[in-house]
């Protein structure tokens, strides 16, 4: 799955999160797409380091602390992205869950179509 497709999936996930949660907002569709790119960069560069640092907490909580790390990545994206607003931890937490679920579902659908096309 290419970079452009992943970015569009994340942008759609952001749009759904904005629609469902009052504490998340974007100033426009271009900002949403740019925020998806920034989110991808933050996840690629900072998330692995944070996951390694929080490994003991992840082990104790059986992986549930990953949700907190995902919320932190969404909040960090909002901090560096003008035009994106996330109001507080719970908005980031629920938003990260929505983004993860939408991204997973879209990736699953695309992968299933690719497998069916290759048969």
PDB file of N, CA and C in Angstrom:
ATOM      1  N   UNK A   1       0.869  -1.175   0.000  1.00  0.00           N
ATOM      2  CA  UNK A   1       0.000   0.000   0.000  1.00  0.00           C
ATOM      3  C   UNK A   1       0.901   1.218   0.000  1.00  0.00           C
ATOM      4  N   UNK A   2       0.668   2.135  -0.895  1.00  0.00           N
ATOM      5  CA  UNK A   2       1.531   3.276  -1.077  1.00  0.00           C
ATOM      6  C   UNK A   2       1.314   4.395  -0.067  1.00  0.00           C
ATOM      7  N   UNK A   3       2.258   5.303  -0.081  1.00  0.00           N
ATOM      8  CA  UNK A   3       2.236   6.443   0.831  1.00  0.00           C
ATOM      9  C   UNK A   3       0.980   7.290   0.643  1.00  0.00           C
ATOM     10  N   UNK A   4       0.629   7.547  -0.606  1.00  0.00           N
ATOM     11  CA  UNK A   4      -0.539   8.382  -0.885  1.00  0.00           C
ATOM     12  C   UNK A   4      -1.824   7.741  -0.367  1.00  0.00           C
ATOM     13  N   UNK A   5      -1.952   6.443  -0.565  1.00  0.00           N
ATOM     14  CA  UNK A   5      -3.151   5.743  -0.098  1.00  0.00           C
ATOM     15  C   UNK A   5      -3.237   5.748   1.426  1.00  0.00           C
ATOM     16  N   UNK A   6      -2.105   5.497   2.103  1.00  0.00           N
ATOM     17  CA  UNK A   6      -2.102   5.536   3.570  1.00  0.00           C
ATOM     18  C   UNK A   6      -2.441   6.940   4.088  1.00  0.00           C
ATOM     19  N   UNK A   7      -1.928   7.952   3.400  1.00  0.00           N
ATOM     20  CA  UNK A   7      -2.225   9.329   3.800  1.00  0.00           C
ATOM     21  C   UNK A   7      -3.711   9.632   3.644  1.00  0.00           C
ATOM     22  N   UNK A   8      -4.296   9.195   2.556  1.00  0.00           N
ATOM     23  CA  UNK A   8      -5.735   9.425   2.346  1.00  0.00           C
ATOM     24  C   UNK A   8      -6.571   8.668   3.373  1.00  0.00           C
ATOM     25  N   UNK A   9      -6.162   7.447   3.710  1.00  0.00           N
ATOM     26  CA  UNK A   9      -6.881   6.682   4.735  1.00  0.00           C
ATOM     27  C   UNK A   9      -6.817   7.405   6.074  1.00  0.00           C
ATOM     28  N   UNK A  10      -5.640   7.908   6.429  1.00  0.00           N
ATOM     29  CA  UNK A  10      -5.498   8.633   7.689  1.00  0.00           C
ATOM     30  C   UNK A  10      -6.302   9.926   7.671  1.00  0.00           C
ATOM     31  N   UNK A  11      -6.329  10.614   6.534  1.00  0.00           N
ATOM     32  CA  UNK A  11      -7.122  11.847   6.426  1.00  0.00           C
ATOM     33  C   UNK A  11      -8.610  11.553   6.604  1.00  0.00           C
ATOM     34  N   UNK A  12      -9.083  10.465   6.021  1.00  0.00           N
ATOM     35  CA  UNK A  12     -10.491  10.076   6.199  1.00  0.00           C
ATOM     36  C   UNK A  12     -10.748   9.713   7.659  1.00  0.00           C
ATOM     37  N   UNK A  13      -9.805   9.018   8.277  1.00  0.00           N
ATOM     38  CA  UNK A  13      -9.945   8.667   9.697  1.00  0.00           C
ATOM     39  C   UNK A  13      -9.991   9.930  10.560  1.00  0.00           C
ATOM     40  N   UNK A  14      -9.169  10.920  10.230  1.00  0.00           N
ATOM     41  CA  UNK A  14      -9.213  12.201  10.948  1.00  0.00           C
ATOM     42  C   UNK A  14     -10.566  12.878  10.761  1.00  0.00           C
ATOM     43  N   UNK A  15     -11.087  12.830   9.546  1.00  0.00           N
ATOM     44  CA  UNK A  15     -12.375  13.465   9.277  1.00  0.00           C
ATOM     45  C   UNK A  15     -13.490  12.780  10.084  1.00  0.00           C
ATOM     46  N   UNK A  16     -13.445  11.462  10.157  1.00  0.00           N
ATOM     47  CA  UNK A  16     -14.444  10.729  10.947  1.00  0.00           C
ATOM     48  C   UNK A  16     -14.299  11.054  12.425  1.00  0.00           C
ATOM     49  N   UNK A  17     -13.062  11.120  12.916  1.00  0.00           N
ATOM     50  CA  UNK A  17     -12.833  11.473  14.318  1.00  0.00           C
ATOM     51  C   UNK A  17     -13.322  12.884  14.612  1.00  0.00           C
ATOM     52  N   UNK A  18     -13.100  13.803  13.683  1.00  0.00           N
ATOM     53  CA  UNK A  18     -13.583  15.177  13.862  1.00  0.00           C
ATOM     54  C   UNK A  18     -15.110  15.207  13.924  1.00  0.00           C
ATOM     55  N   UNK A  19     -15.744  14.394  13.100  1.00  0.00           N
ATOM     56  CA  UNK A  19     -17.200  14.338  13.062  1.00  0.00           C
ATOM     57  C   UNK A  19     -17.776  13.756  14.359  1.00  0.00           C
ATOM     58  N   UNK A  20     -17.099  12.746  14.910  1.00  0.00           N
ATOM     59  CA  UNK A  20     -17.626  12.040  16.081  1.00  0.00           C
ATOM     60  C   UNK A  20     -17.244  12.672  17.419  1.00  0.00           C
ATOM     61  N   UNK A  21     -16.153  13.427  17.480  1.00  0.00           N
ATOM     62  CA  UNK A  21     -15.653  13.947  18.750  1.00  0.00           C
ATOM     63  C   UNK A  21     -15.638  15.469  18.710  1.00  0.00           C
ATOM     64  N   UNK A  22     -16.235  16.072  19.728  1.00  0.00           N
ATOM     65  CA  UNK A  22     -16.283  17.532  19.794  1.00  0.00           C
ATOM     66  C   UNK A  22     -14.903  18.152  20.031  1.00  0.00           C
ATOM     67  N   UNK A  23     -13.995  17.438  20.658  1.00  0.00           N
ATOM     68  CA  UNK A  23     -12.698  17.993  21.020  1.00  0.00           C
ATOM     69  C   UNK A  23     -11.645  17.940  19.938  1.00  0.00           C
ATOM     70  N   UNK A  24     -11.985  17.457  18.751  1.00  0.00           N
ATOM     71  CA  UNK A  24     -11.034  17.404  17.637  1.00  0.00           C
ATOM     72  C   UNK A  24     -11.600  18.223  16.495  1.00  0.00           C
ATOM     73  N   UNK A  25     -10.755  19.115  15.949  1.00  0.00           N
ATOM     74  CA  UNK A  25     -11.216  19.916  14.815  1.00  0.00           C
ATOM     75  C   UNK A  25     -10.055  20.267  13.893  1.00  0.00           C
ATOM     76  N   UNK A  26     -10.386  20.472  12.648  1.00  0.00           N
ATOM     77  CA  UNK A  26      -9.441  20.886  11.618  1.00  0.00           C
ATOM     78  C   UNK A  26     -10.016  22.125  10.943  1.00  0.00           C
ATOM     79  N   UNK A  27      -9.144  23.023  10.508  1.00  0.00           N
ATOM     80  CA  UNK A  27      -9.639  24.256   9.909  1.00  0.00           C
ATOM     81  C   UNK A  27     -10.027  24.097   8.442  1.00  0.00           C
ATOM     82  N   UNK A  28      -9.752  22.958   7.850  1.00  0.00           N
ATOM     83  CA  UNK A  28     -10.149  22.724   6.469  1.00  0.00           C
ATOM     84  C   UNK A  28      -9.635  21.391   5.965  1.00  0.00           C
ATOM     85  N   UNK A  29     -10.065  21.001   4.754  1.00  0.00           N
ATOM     86  CA  UNK A  29      -9.644  19.707   4.218  1.00  0.00           C
ATOM     87  C   UNK A  29      -8.153  19.635   3.892  1.00  0.00           C
ATOM     88  N   UNK A  30      -7.568  20.737   3.469  1.00  0.00           N
ATOM     89  CA  UNK A  30      -6.130  20.735   3.183  1.00  0.00           C
ATOM     90  C   UNK A  30      -5.342  20.521   4.464  1.00  0.00           C
ATOM     91  N   UNK A  31      -5.779  21.157   5.539  1.00  0.00           N
ATOM     92  CA  UNK A  31      -5.128  20.970   6.838  1.00  0.00           C
ATOM     93  C   UNK A  31      -5.256  19.516   7.287  1.00  0.00           C
ATOM     94  N   UNK A  32      -6.398  18.906   7.019  1.00  0.00           N
ATOM     95  CA  UNK A  32      -6.609  17.507   7.384  1.00  0.00           C
ATOM     96  C   UNK A  32      -5.617  16.602   6.649  1.00  0.00           C
ATOM     97  N   UNK A  33      -5.401  16.843   5.383  1.00  0.00           N
ATOM     98  CA  UNK A  33      -4.469  16.031   4.599  1.00  0.00           C
ATOM     99  C   UNK A  33      -3.029  16.269   5.052  1.00  0.00           C
ATOM    100  N   UNK A  34      -2.666  17.512   5.299  1.00  0.00           N
ATOM    101  CA  UNK A  34      -1.315  17.813   5.779  1.00  0.00           C
ATOM    102  C   UNK A  34      -1.110  17.212   7.163  1.00  0.00           C
ATOM    103  N   UNK A  35      -2.136  17.267   8.014  1.00  0.00           N
ATOM    104  CA  UNK A  35      -2.044  16.666   9.349  1.00  0.00           C
ATOM    105  C   UNK A  35      -1.856  15.156   9.237  1.00  0.00           C
ATOM    106  N   UNK A  36      -2.469  14.522   8.250  1.00  0.00           N
ATOM    107  CA  UNK A  36      -2.283  13.079   8.045  1.00  0.00           C
ATOM    108  C   UNK A  36      -0.833  12.770   7.686  1.00  0.00           C
ATOM    109  N   UNK A  37      -0.221  13.628   6.887  1.00  0.00           N
ATOM    110  CA  UNK A  37       1.188  13.449   6.537  1.00  0.00           C
ATOM    111  C   UNK A  37       2.067  13.632   7.774  1.00  0.00           C
ATOM    112  N   UNK A  38       1.799  14.686   8.543  1.00  0.00           N
ATOM    113  CA  UNK A  38       2.573  14.940   9.763  1.00  0.00           C
ATOM    114  C   UNK A  38       2.385  13.792  10.755  1.00  0.00           C
ATOM    115  N   UNK A  39       1.161  13.290  10.875  1.00  0.00           N
ATOM    116  CA  UNK A  39       0.881  12.166  11.762  1.00  0.00           C
ATOM    117  C   UNK A  39       1.688  10.932  11.352  1.00  0.00           C
ATOM    118  N   UNK A  40       1.791  10.693  10.055  1.00  0.00           N
ATOM    119  CA  UNK A  40       2.590   9.578   9.562  1.00  0.00           C
ATOM    120  C   UNK A  40       4.063   9.740   9.902  1.00  0.00           C
ATOM    121  N   UNK A  41       4.574  10.953   9.784  1.00  0.00           N
ATOM    122  CA  UNK A  41       5.973  11.224  10.122  1.00  0.00           C
ATOM    123  C   UNK A  41       6.207  11.062  11.617  1.00  0.00           C
ATOM    124  N   UNK A  42       5.300  11.594  12.431  1.00  0.00           N
ATOM    125  CA  UNK A  42       5.412  11.460  13.890  1.00  0.00           C
ATOM    126  C   UNK A  42       5.373   9.986  14.286  1.00  0.00           C
ATOM    127  N   UNK A  43       4.467   9.225  13.675  1.00  0.00           N
ATOM    128  CA  UNK A  43       4.373   7.794  13.982  1.00  0.00           C
ATOM    129  C   UNK A  43       5.616   7.032  13.538  1.00  0.00           C
ATOM    130  N   UNK A  44       6.230   7.455  12.455  1.00  0.00           N
ATOM    131  CA  UNK A  44       7.411   6.756  11.954  1.00  0.00           C
ATOM    132  C   UNK A  44       8.666   7.083  12.760  1.00  0.00           C
ATOM    133  N   UNK A  45       8.772   8.307  13.266  1.00  0.00           N
ATOM    134  CA  UNK A  45      10.003   8.724  13.930  1.00  0.00           C
ATOM    135  C   UNK A  45       9.954   8.651  15.455  1.00  0.00           C
ATOM    136  N   UNK A  46       8.863   9.086  16.042  1.00  0.00           N
ATOM    137  CA  UNK A  46       8.810   9.229  17.499  1.00  0.00           C
ATOM    138  C   UNK A  46       8.154   8.031  18.174  1.00  0.00           C
ATOM    139  N   UNK A  47       7.142   7.461  17.565  1.00  0.00           N
ATOM    140  CA  UNK A  47       6.403   6.363  18.185  1.00  0.00           C
ATOM    141  C   UNK A  47       7.279   5.156  18.538  1.00  0.00           C
ATOM    142  N   UNK A  48       8.193   4.719  17.653  1.00  0.00           N
ATOM    143  CA  UNK A  48       9.023   3.565  18.042  1.00  0.00           C
ATOM    144  C   UNK A  48       9.876   3.829  19.283  1.00  0.00           C
ATOM    145  N   UNK A  49      10.406   5.028  19.398  1.00  0.00           N
ATOM    146  CA  UNK A  49      11.212   5.374  20.570  1.00  0.00           C
ATOM    147  C   UNK A  49      10.334   5.375  21.818  1.00  0.00           C
ATOM    148  N   UNK A  50       9.163   5.982  21.720  1.00  0.00           N
ATOM    149  CA  UNK A  50       8.251   6.031  22.861  1.00  0.00           C
ATOM    150  C   UNK A  50       7.757   4.631  23.246  1.00  0.00           C
ATOM    151  N   UNK A  51       7.527   3.782  22.256  1.00  0.00           N
ATOM    152  CA  UNK A  51       7.109   2.406  22.556  1.00  0.00           C
ATOM    153  C   UNK A  51       8.211   1.647  23.287  1.00  0.00           C
ATOM    154  N   UNK A  52       9.454   1.879  22.898  1.00  0.00           N
ATOM    155  CA  UNK A  52      10.578   1.229  23.575  1.00  0.00           C
ATOM    156  C   UNK A  52      10.717   1.737  25.011  1.00  0.00           C
ATOM    157  N   UNK A  53      10.561   3.038  25.197  1.00  0.00           N
ATOM    158  CA  UNK A  53      10.676   3.614  26.542  1.00  0.00           C
ATOM    159  C   UNK A  53       9.548   3.166  27.470  1.00  0.00           C
ATOM    160  N   UNK A  54       8.392   2.908  26.911  1.00  0.00           N
ATOM    161  CA  UNK A  54       7.235   2.508  27.727  1.00  0.00           C
ATOM    162  C   UNK A  54       7.009   1.000  27.715  1.00  0.00           C
ATOM    163  N   UNK A  55       7.982   0.256  27.256  1.00  0.00           N
ATOM    164  CA  UNK A  55       7.841  -1.195  27.185  1.00  0.00           C
ATOM    165  C   UNK A  55       7.458  -1.836  28.515  1.00  0.00           C
ATOM    166  N   UNK A  56       8.060  -1.441  29.645  1.00  0.00           N
ATOM    167  CA  UNK A  56       7.629  -2.048  30.912  1.00  0.00           C
ATOM    168  C   UNK A  56       6.148  -1.797  31.220  1.00  0.00           C
ATOM    169  N   UNK A  57       5.667  -0.574  30.967  1.00  0.00           N
ATOM    170  CA  UNK A  57       4.245  -0.277  31.189  1.00  0.00           C
ATOM    171  C   UNK A  57       3.368  -1.088  30.239  1.00  0.00           C
ATOM    172  N   UNK A  58       3.822  -1.250  29.015  1.00  0.00           N
ATOM    173  CA  UNK A  58       3.064  -2.047  28.058  1.00  0.00           C
ATOM    174  C   UNK A  58       2.979  -3.505  28.488  1.00  0.00           C
ATOM    175  N   UNK A  59       4.049  -4.018  29.026  1.00  0.00           N
ATOM    176  CA  UNK A  59       4.033  -5.409  29.505  1.00  0.00           C
ATOM    177  C   UNK A  59       3.101  -5.577  30.699  1.00  0.00           C
ATOM    178  N   UNK A  60       3.155  -4.641  31.626  1.00  0.00           N
ATOM    179  CA  UNK A  60       2.313  -4.723  32.826  1.00  0.00           C
ATOM    180  C   UNK A  60       0.836  -4.590  32.459  1.00  0.00           C
ATOM    181  N   UNK A  61       0.526  -3.724  31.504  1.00  0.00           N
ATOM    182  CA  UNK A  61      -0.873  -3.494  31.129  1.00  0.00           C
ATOM    183  C   UNK A  61      -1.321  -4.388  29.970  1.00  0.00           C
ATOM    184  N   UNK A  62      -0.479  -5.347  29.612  1.00  0.00           N
ATOM    185  CA  UNK A  62      -0.791  -6.271  28.521  1.00  0.00           C
ATOM    186  C   UNK A  62      -1.074  -5.549  27.201  1.00  0.00           C
ATOM    187  N   UNK A  63      -0.338  -4.492  26.944  1.00  0.00           N
ATOM    188  CA  UNK A  63      -0.437  -3.763  25.690  1.00  0.00           C
ATOM    189  C   UNK A  63      -1.429  -2.622  25.668  1.00  0.00           C
ATOM    190  N   UNK A  64      -2.203  -2.453  26.718  1.00  0.00           N
ATOM    191  CA  UNK A  64      -3.204  -1.382  26.720  1.00  0.00           C
ATOM    192  C   UNK A  64      -2.577   0.014  26.770  1.00  0.00           C
ATOM    193  N   UNK A  65      -1.350   0.111  27.282  1.00  0.00           N
ATOM    194  CA  UNK A  65      -0.694   1.421  27.331  1.00  0.00           C
ATOM    195  C   UNK A  65      -0.388   1.944  25.923  1.00  0.00           C
ATOM    196  N   UNK A  66      -0.426   1.062  24.947  1.00  0.00           N
ATOM    197  CA  UNK A  66      -0.245   1.485  23.554  1.00  0.00           C
ATOM    198  C   UNK A  66      -1.301   2.514  23.156  1.00  0.00           C
ATOM    199  N   UNK A  67      -2.495   2.388  23.709  1.00  0.00           N
ATOM    200  CA  UNK A  67      -3.558   3.368  23.428  1.00  0.00           C
ATOM    201  C   UNK A  67      -3.167   4.751  23.917  1.00  0.00           C
ATOM    202  N   UNK A  68      -2.485   4.814  25.057  1.00  0.00           N
ATOM    203  CA  UNK A  68      -2.018   6.098  25.586  1.00  0.00           C
ATOM    204  C   UNK A  68      -0.924   6.665  24.680  1.00  0.00           C
ATOM    205  N   UNK A  69      -0.042   5.808  24.196  1.00  0.00           N
ATOM    206  CA  UNK A  69       1.015   6.252  23.279  1.00  0.00           C
ATOM    207  C   UNK A  69       0.388   6.783  21.985  1.00  0.00           C
ATOM    208  N   UNK A  70      -0.622   6.095  21.465  1.00  0.00           N
ATOM    209  CA  UNK A  70      -1.311   6.562  20.262  1.00  0.00           C
ATOM    210  C   UNK A  70      -1.977   7.908  20.499  1.00  0.00           C
ATOM    211  N   UNK A  71      -2.561   8.094  21.673  1.00  0.00           N
ATOM    212  CA  UNK A  71      -3.166   9.391  22.012  1.00  0.00           C
ATOM    213  C   UNK A  71      -2.095  10.473  22.075  1.00  0.00           C
ATOM    214  N   UNK A  72      -0.936  10.141  22.611  1.00  0.00           N
ATOM    215  CA  UNK A  72       0.163  11.105  22.672  1.00  0.00           C
ATOM    216  C   UNK A  72       0.631  11.496  21.270  1.00  0.00           C
ATOM    217  N   UNK A  73       0.657  10.549  20.353  1.00  0.00           N
ATOM    218  CA  UNK A  73       1.065  10.858  18.976  1.00  0.00           C
ATOM    219  C   UNK A  73       0.052  11.777  18.299  1.00  0.00           C
ATOM    220  N   UNK A  74      -1.225  11.569  18.573  1.00  0.00           N
ATOM    221  CA  UNK A  74      -2.255  12.443  18.023  1.00  0.00           C
ATOM    222  C   UNK A  74      -2.140  13.837  18.630  1.00  0.00           C
ATOM    223  N   UNK A  75      -1.914  13.903  19.936  1.00  0.00           N
ATOM    224  CA  UNK A  75      -1.732  15.195  20.593  1.00  0.00           C
ATOM    225  C   UNK A  75      -0.495  15.918  20.110  1.00  0.00           C
ATOM    226  N   UNK A  76       0.594  15.186  19.901  1.00  0.00           N
ATOM    227  CA  UNK A  76       1.821  15.795  19.395  1.00  0.00           C
ATOM    228  C   UNK A  76       1.625  16.334  17.985  1.00  0.00           C
ATOM    229  N   UNK A  77       0.890  15.594  17.188  1.00  0.00           N
ATOM    230  CA  UNK A  77       0.576  16.076  15.838  1.00  0.00           C
ATOM    231  C   UNK A  77      -0.206  17.379  15.906  1.00  0.00           C
ATOM    232  N   UNK A  78      -1.157  17.459  16.826  1.00  0.00           N
ATOM    233  CA  UNK A  78      -1.939  18.697  16.985  1.00  0.00           C
ATOM    234  C   UNK A  78      -1.068  19.849  17.467  1.00  0.00           C
ATOM    235  N   UNK A  79      -0.056  19.552  18.282  1.00  0.00           N
ATOM    236  CA  UNK A  79       0.836  20.609  18.766  1.00  0.00           C
ATOM    237  C   UNK A  79       1.664  21.228  17.650  1.00  0.00           C
ATOM    238  N   UNK A  80       2.131  20.407  16.723  1.00  0.00           N
ATOM    239  CA  UNK A  80       2.999  20.918  15.662  1.00  0.00           C
ATOM    240  C   UNK A  80       2.239  21.321  14.407  1.00  0.00           C
ATOM    241  N   UNK A  81       0.951  21.032  14.361  1.00  0.00           N
ATOM    242  CA  UNK A  81       0.160  21.291  13.166  1.00  0.00           C
ATOM    243  C   UNK A  81      -0.788  22.467  13.375  1.00  0.00           C
ATOM    244  N   UNK A  82      -0.494  23.620  12.766  1.00  0.00           N
ATOM    245  CA  UNK A  82      -1.445  24.732  12.878  1.00  0.00           C
ATOM    246  C   UNK A  82      -2.746  24.406  12.140  1.00  0.00           C
ATOM    247  N   UNK A  83      -3.849  24.726  12.754  1.00  0.00           N
ATOM    248  CA  UNK A  83      -5.145  24.439  12.150  1.00  0.00           C
ATOM    249  C   UNK A  83      -5.771  23.147  12.642  1.00  0.00           C
ATOM    250  N   UNK A  84      -5.026  22.399  13.451  1.00  0.00           N
ATOM    251  CA  UNK A  84      -5.570  21.172  14.048  1.00  0.00           C
ATOM    252  C   UNK A  84      -5.664  21.396  15.544  1.00  0.00           C
ATOM    253  N   UNK A  85      -6.817  21.027  16.116  1.00  0.00           N
ATOM    254  CA  UNK A  85      -7.021  21.225  17.552  1.00  0.00           C
ATOM    255  C   UNK A  85      -7.495  19.935  18.190  1.00  0.00           C
ATOM    256  N   UNK A  86      -6.840  19.548  19.282  1.00  0.00           N
ATOM    257  CA  UNK A  86      -7.270  18.416  20.091  1.00  0.00           C
ATOM    258  C   UNK A  86      -7.373  18.933  21.515  1.00  0.00           C
ATOM    259  N   UNK A  87      -8.585  18.904  22.075  1.00  0.00           N
ATOM    260  CA  UNK A  87      -8.842  19.449  23.411  1.00  0.00           C
ATOM    261  C   UNK A  87      -8.732  18.375  24.479  1.00  0.00           C
ATOM    262  N   UNK A  88      -7.543  18.182  24.985  1.00  0.00           N
ATOM    263  CA  UNK A  88      -7.371  17.320  26.137  1.00  0.00           C
ATOM    264  C   UNK A  88      -7.074  15.873  25.823  1.00  0.00           C
ATOM    265  N   UNK A  89      -6.750  15.163  26.914  1.00  0.00           N
ATOM    266  CA  UNK A  89      -6.336  13.767  26.798  1.00  0.00           C
ATOM    267  C   UNK A  89      -7.445  12.871  26.275  1.00  0.00           C
ATOM    268  N   UNK A  90      -8.661  13.021  26.798  1.00  0.00           N
ATOM    269  CA  UNK A  90      -9.733  12.092  26.418  1.00  0.00           C
ATOM    270  C   UNK A  90     -10.131  12.248  24.965  1.00  0.00           C
ATOM    271  N   UNK A  91     -10.111  13.469  24.451  1.00  0.00           N
ATOM    272  CA  UNK A  91     -10.386  13.664  23.023  1.00  0.00           C
ATOM    273  C   UNK A  91      -9.302  12.991  22.191  1.00  0.00           C
ATOM    274  N   UNK A  92      -8.040  13.125  22.620  1.00  0.00           N
ATOM    275  CA  UNK A  92      -6.939  12.478  21.911  1.00  0.00           C
ATOM    276  C   UNK A  92      -7.038  10.959  22.029  1.00  0.00           C
ATOM    277  N   UNK A  93      -7.403  10.474  23.195  1.00  0.00           N
ATOM    278  CA  UNK A  93      -7.496   9.034  23.440  1.00  0.00           C
ATOM    279  C   UNK A  93      -8.573   8.397  22.559  1.00  0.00           C
ATOM    280  N   UNK A  94      -9.761   8.965  22.587  1.00  0.00           N
ATOM    281  CA  UNK A  94     -10.857   8.423  21.780  1.00  0.00           C
ATOM    282  C   UNK A  94     -10.586   8.641  20.292  1.00  0.00           C
ATOM    283  N   UNK A  95     -10.006   9.789  19.960  1.00  0.00           N
ATOM    284  CA  UNK A  95      -9.643  10.057  18.571  1.00  0.00           C
ATOM    285  C   UNK A  95      -8.616   9.067  18.047  1.00  0.00           C
ATOM    286  N   UNK A  96      -7.641   8.728  18.868  1.00  0.00           N
ATOM    287  CA  UNK A  96      -6.624   7.752  18.455  1.00  0.00           C
ATOM    288  C   UNK A  96      -7.249   6.381  18.237  1.00  0.00           C
ATOM    289  N   UNK A  97      -8.215   6.019  19.073  1.00  0.00           N
ATOM    290  CA  UNK A  97      -8.906   4.738  18.881  1.00  0.00           C
ATOM    291  C   UNK A  97      -9.677   4.743  17.561  1.00  0.00           C
ATOM    292  N   UNK A  98     -10.373   5.835  17.282  1.00  0.00           N
ATOM    293  CA  UNK A  98     -11.140   5.937  16.035  1.00  0.00           C
ATOM    294  C   UNK A  98     -10.213   5.895  14.829  1.00  0.00           C
ATOM    295  N   UNK A  99      -9.113   6.639  14.889  1.00  0.00           N
ATOM    296  CA  UNK A  99      -8.162   6.649  13.774  1.00  0.00           C
ATOM    297  C   UNK A  99      -7.582   5.252  13.562  1.00  0.00           C
ATOM    298  N   UNK A 100      -7.244   4.565  14.639  1.00  0.00           N
ATOM    299  CA  UNK A 100      -6.685   3.220  14.524  1.00  0.00           C
ATOM    300  C   UNK A 100      -7.702   2.248  13.925  1.00  0.00           C
ATOM    301  N   UNK A 101      -8.945   2.320  14.381  1.00  0.00           N
ATOM    302  CA  UNK A 101      -9.975   1.408  13.866  1.00  0.00           C
ATOM    303  C   UNK A 101     -10.290   1.658  12.391  1.00  0.00           C
ATOM    304  N   UNK A 102     -10.418   2.925  12.022  1.00  0.00           N
ATOM    305  CA  UNK A 102     -10.716   3.252  10.628  1.00  0.00           C
ATOM    306  C   UNK A 102      -9.539   2.858   9.736  1.00  0.00           C
ATOM    307  N   UNK A 103      -8.325   3.134  10.178  1.00  0.00           N
ATOM    308  CA  UNK A 103      -7.140   2.769   9.396  1.00  0.00           C
ATOM    309  C   UNK A 103      -7.030   1.255   9.248  1.00  0.00           C
ATOM    310  N   UNK A 104      -7.279   0.531  10.331  1.00  0.00           N
ATOM    311  CA  UNK A 104      -7.219  -0.928  10.274  1.00  0.00           C
ATOM    312  C   UNK A 104      -8.265  -1.475   9.307  1.00  0.00           C
ATOM    313  N   UNK A 105      -9.497  -0.982   9.414  1.00  0.00           N
ATOM    314  CA  UNK A 105     -10.580  -1.474   8.560  1.00  0.00           C
ATOM    315  C   UNK A 105     -10.295  -1.170   7.083  1.00  0.00           C
ATOM    316  N   UNK A 106      -9.843   0.030   6.794  1.00  0.00           N
ATOM    317  CA  UNK A 106      -9.549   0.391   5.403  1.00  0.00           C
ATOM    318  C   UNK A 106      -8.383  -0.431   4.864  1.00  0.00           C
ATOM    319  N   UNK A 107      -7.358  -0.614   5.661  1.00  0.00           N
ATOM    320  CA  UNK A 107      -6.213  -1.415   5.232  1.00  0.00           C
ATOM    321  C   UNK A 107      -6.626  -2.862   4.992  1.00  0.00           C
ATOM    322  N   UNK A 108      -7.486  -3.381   5.844  1.00  0.00           N
ATOM    323  CA  UNK A 108      -7.985  -4.753   5.686  1.00  0.00           C
ATOM    324  C   UNK A 108      -8.786  -4.896   4.393  1.00  0.00           C
ATOM    325  N   UNK A 109      -9.654  -3.935   4.112  1.00  0.00           N
ATOM    326  CA  UNK A 109     -10.440  -3.980   2.879  1.00  0.00           C
ATOM    327  C   UNK A 109      -9.553  -3.912   1.648  1.00  0.00           C
ATOM    328  N   UNK A 110      -8.558  -3.049   1.684  1.00  0.00           N
ATOM    329  CA  UNK A 110      -7.667  -2.895   0.535  1.00  0.00           C
ATOM    330  C   UNK A 110      -6.829  -4.151   0.350  1.00  0.00           C
ATOM    331  N   UNK A 111      -6.329  -4.717   1.440  1.00  0.00           N
ATOM    332  CA  UNK A 111      -5.527  -5.941   1.351  1.00  0.00           C
ATOM    333  C   UNK A 111      -6.366  -7.099   0.817  1.00  0.00           C
ATOM    334  N   UNK A 112      -7.621  -7.201   1.266  1.00  0.00           N
ATOM    335  CA  UNK A 112      -8.500  -8.268   0.777  1.00  0.00           C
ATOM    336  C   UNK A 112      -8.768  -8.124  -0.713  1.00  0.00           C
ATOM    337  N   UNK A 113      -8.929  -6.898  -1.184  1.00  0.00           N
ATOM    338  CA  UNK A 113      -9.149  -6.679  -2.610  1.00  0.00           C
ATOM    339  C   UNK A 113      -7.910  -7.028  -3.420  1.00  0.00           C
ATOM    340  N   UNK A 114      -6.732  -6.706  -2.884  1.00  0.00           N
ATOM    341  CA  UNK A 114      -5.489  -7.037  -3.587  1.00  0.00           C
ATOM    342  C   UNK A 114      -5.302  -8.543  -3.682  1.00  0.00           C
ATOM    343  N   UNK A 115      -5.642  -9.254  -2.608  1.00  0.00           N
ATOM    344  CA  UNK A 115      -5.534 -10.721  -2.631  1.00  0.00           C
ATOM    345  C   UNK A 115      -6.505 -11.300  -3.640  1.00  0.00           C
ATOM    346  N   UNK A 116      -7.724 -10.776  -3.674  1.00  0.00           N
ATOM    347  CA  UNK A 116      -8.730 -11.284  -4.615  1.00  0.00           C
ATOM    348  C   UNK A 116      -8.322 -10.971  -6.059  1.00  0.00           C
ATOM    349  N   UNK A 117      -7.685  -9.832  -6.286  1.00  0.00           N
ATOM    350  CA  UNK A 117      -7.269  -9.477  -7.627  1.00  0.00           C
ATOM    351  C   UNK A 117      -6.110 -10.340  -8.116  1.00  0.00           C
ATOM    352  N   UNK A 118      -5.298 -10.818  -7.203  1.00  0.00           N
ATOM    353  CA  UNK A 118      -4.144 -11.640  -7.567  1.00  0.00           C
ATOM    354  C   UNK A 118      -4.497 -13.120  -7.766  1.00  0.00           C
ATOM    355  N   UNK A 119      -5.700 -13.512  -7.485  1.00  0.00           N
ATOM    356  CA  UNK A 119      -6.099 -14.913  -7.651  1.00  0.00           C
ATOM    357  C   UNK A 119      -6.364 -15.249  -9.068  1.00  0.00           C
TER     358      UNK A 119
END
